[in-house]
Amino acid sequence: MLGEPNPLAGCMMEHLAGHYAVHRFLARVERANEKSIAVLRRLGFTEAGIDESMCHALTTTERQFVADVGNEVTDAGWALQ
């Protein structure tokens, strides 16, 4: 189903956090892509602050989202810990 997070994405994030000490996940998305932004939010991502976004050289049409280890992935039923 379009617009729904794939359970594998959350499992992959959980695996990387637990086995490889990944502490932060970054996602870059086109500003107009509201469906992808909604999926990222359901996966526990929030929009990056201006300071962090500037460090990653985004284009004027992009937004950056971050998920820190420990953010709960609410709709999918798993948590990163």
C-alpha atoms as a PDB file:
ATOM      1  CA  MET A   1       0.000   0.000   0.000  1.00  0.00           C
ATOM      2  CA  LEU A   2       1.443   3.377  -0.966  1.00  0.00           C
ATOM      3  CA  GLY A   3       2.130   5.808   1.838  1.00  0.00           C
ATOM      4  CA  GLU A   4       2.513   3.112   4.485  1.00  0.00           C
ATOM      5  CA  PRO A   5       5.939   2.392   5.962  1.00  0.00           C
ATOM      6  CA  ASN A   6       7.321  -0.963   5.000  1.00  0.00           C
ATOM      7  CA  PRO A   7       7.871  -3.023   8.176  1.00  0.00           C
ATOM      8  CA  LEU A   8      11.277  -3.955   6.767  1.00  0.00           C
ATOM      9  CA  ALA A   9      12.420  -0.319   6.989  1.00  0.00           C
ATOM     10  CA  GLY A  10      11.800  -0.258  10.736  1.00  0.00           C
ATOM     11  CA  CYS A  11      13.397  -3.668  11.192  1.00  0.00           C
ATOM     12  CA  MET A  12      16.444  -2.510   9.248  1.00  0.00           C
ATOM     13  CA  MET A  13      16.761   0.589  11.432  1.00  0.00           C
ATOM     14  CA  GLU A  14      16.404  -1.506  14.572  1.00  0.00           C
ATOM     15  CA  HIS A  15      19.021  -3.995  13.331  1.00  0.00           C
ATOM     16  CA  LEU A  16      21.521  -1.267  12.450  1.00  0.00           C
ATOM     17  CA  ALA A  17      21.016   0.386  15.832  1.00  0.00           C
ATOM     18  CA  GLY A  18      21.383  -2.850  17.768  1.00  0.00           C
ATOM     19  CA  HIS A  19      24.202  -4.523  15.865  1.00  0.00           C
ATOM     20  CA  TYR A  20      26.235  -1.700  14.349  1.00  0.00           C
ATOM     21  CA  ALA A  21      25.777   1.123  16.879  1.00  0.00           C
ATOM     22  CA  VAL A  22      24.088   3.401  14.349  1.00  0.00           C
ATOM     23  CA  HIS A  23      22.831   6.303  16.425  1.00  0.00           C
ATOM     24  CA  ARG A  24      21.218   8.499  13.807  1.00  0.00           C
ATOM     25  CA  PHE A  25      19.376   8.006  10.534  1.00  0.00           C
ATOM     26  CA  LEU A  26      19.137  10.714   7.877  1.00  0.00           C
ATOM     27  CA  ALA A  27      16.664  10.995   5.011  1.00  0.00           C
ATOM     28  CA  ARG A  28      16.551  13.560   2.237  1.00  0.00           C
ATOM     29  CA  VAL A  29      13.266  14.106   0.425  1.00  0.00           C
ATOM     30  CA  GLU A  30      11.819  16.545  -2.085  1.00  0.00           C
ATOM     31  CA  ARG A  31       9.763  19.258  -0.366  1.00  0.00           C
ATOM     32  CA  ALA A  32       6.664  18.510  -2.440  1.00  0.00           C
ATOM     33  CA  ASN A  33       6.687  14.765  -1.719  1.00  0.00           C
ATOM     34  CA  GLU A  34       4.160  14.768   1.122  1.00  0.00           C
ATOM     35  CA  LYS A  35       3.534  11.011   0.947  1.00  0.00           C
ATOM     36  CA  SER A  36       7.204  10.211   1.557  1.00  0.00           C
ATOM     37  CA  ILE A  37       7.356  12.799   4.327  1.00  0.00           C
ATOM     38  CA  ALA A  38       4.349  11.144   5.995  1.00  0.00           C
ATOM     39  CA  VAL A  39       6.082   7.748   5.793  1.00  0.00           C
ATOM     40  CA  LEU A  40       9.237   9.194   7.357  1.00  0.00           C
ATOM     41  CA  ARG A  41       7.211  10.718  10.188  1.00  0.00           C
ATOM     42  CA  ARG A  42       5.535   7.353  10.870  1.00  0.00           C
ATOM     43  CA  LEU A  43       9.001   5.800  11.033  1.00  0.00           C
ATOM     44  CA  GLY A  44       9.950   8.261  13.784  1.00  0.00           C
ATOM     45  CA  PHE A  45      11.767  10.879  11.698  1.00  0.00           C
ATOM     46  CA  THR A  46      11.496  14.590  12.442  1.00  0.00           C
ATOM     47  CA  GLU A  47      12.606  17.479  10.279  1.00  0.00           C
ATOM     48  CA  ALA A  48      16.230  18.455  10.813  1.00  0.00           C
ATOM     49  CA  GLY A  49      17.044  21.863  12.173  1.00  0.00           C
ATOM     50  CA  ILE A  50      18.481  24.568   9.955  1.00  0.00           C
ATOM     51  CA  ASP A  51      22.027  24.093  11.294  1.00  0.00           C
ATOM     52  CA  GLU A  52      22.067  20.392  10.495  1.00  0.00           C
ATOM     53  CA  SER A  53      20.387  20.840   7.130  1.00  0.00           C
ATOM     54  CA  MET A  54      23.016  23.392   6.119  1.00  0.00           C
ATOM     55  CA  CYS A  55      25.782  20.852   6.880  1.00  0.00           C
ATOM     56  CA  HIS A  56      24.409  18.485   4.241  1.00  0.00           C
ATOM     57  CA  ALA A  57      24.150  20.869   1.278  1.00  0.00           C
ATOM     58  CA  LEU A  58      20.472  20.424   0.500  1.00  0.00           C
ATOM     59  CA  THR A  59      19.065  21.880  -2.692  1.00  0.00           C
ATOM     60  CA  THR A  60      16.267  24.439  -2.460  1.00  0.00           C
ATOM     61  CA  THR A  61      13.745  21.695  -3.267  1.00  0.00           C
ATOM     62  CA  GLU A  62      14.859  19.276  -0.538  1.00  0.00           C
ATOM     63  CA  ARG A  63      14.095  18.753   3.145  1.00  0.00           C
ATOM     64  CA  GLN A  64      16.119  16.644   5.545  1.00  0.00           C
ATOM     65  CA  PHE A  65      14.689  14.429   8.261  1.00  0.00           C
ATOM     66  CA  VAL A  66      16.451  12.659  11.126  1.00  0.00           C
ATOM     67  CA  ALA A  67      15.627   9.797  13.462  1.00  0.00           C
ATOM     68  CA  ASP A  68      17.733   9.282  16.566  1.00  0.00           C
ATOM     69  CA  VAL A  69      18.125   5.873  18.167  1.00  0.00           C
ATOM     70  CA  GLY A  70      15.519   5.692  20.900  1.00  0.00           C
ATOM     71  CA  ASN A  71      12.724   7.425  18.949  1.00  0.00           C
ATOM     72  CA  GLU A  72       9.662   5.221  18.933  1.00  0.00           C
ATOM     73  CA  VAL A  73       8.256   4.193  15.587  1.00  0.00           C
ATOM     74  CA  THR A  74       4.639   4.676  16.519  1.00  0.00           C
ATOM     75  CA  ASP A  75       2.436   3.284  13.734  1.00  0.00           C
ATOM     76  CA  ALA A  76       4.577   0.297  12.881  1.00  0.00           C
ATOM     77  CA  GLY A  77       4.732  -1.130  16.392  1.00  0.00           C
ATOM     78  CA  TRP A  78       8.485  -1.280  16.946  1.00  0.00           C
ATOM     79  CA  ALA A  79      10.893   0.964  18.789  1.00  0.00           C
ATOM     80  CA  LEU A  80      14.533   1.729  18.301  1.00  0.00           C
ATOM     81  CA  GLN A  81      16.452   1.150  21.517  1.00  0.00           C
END
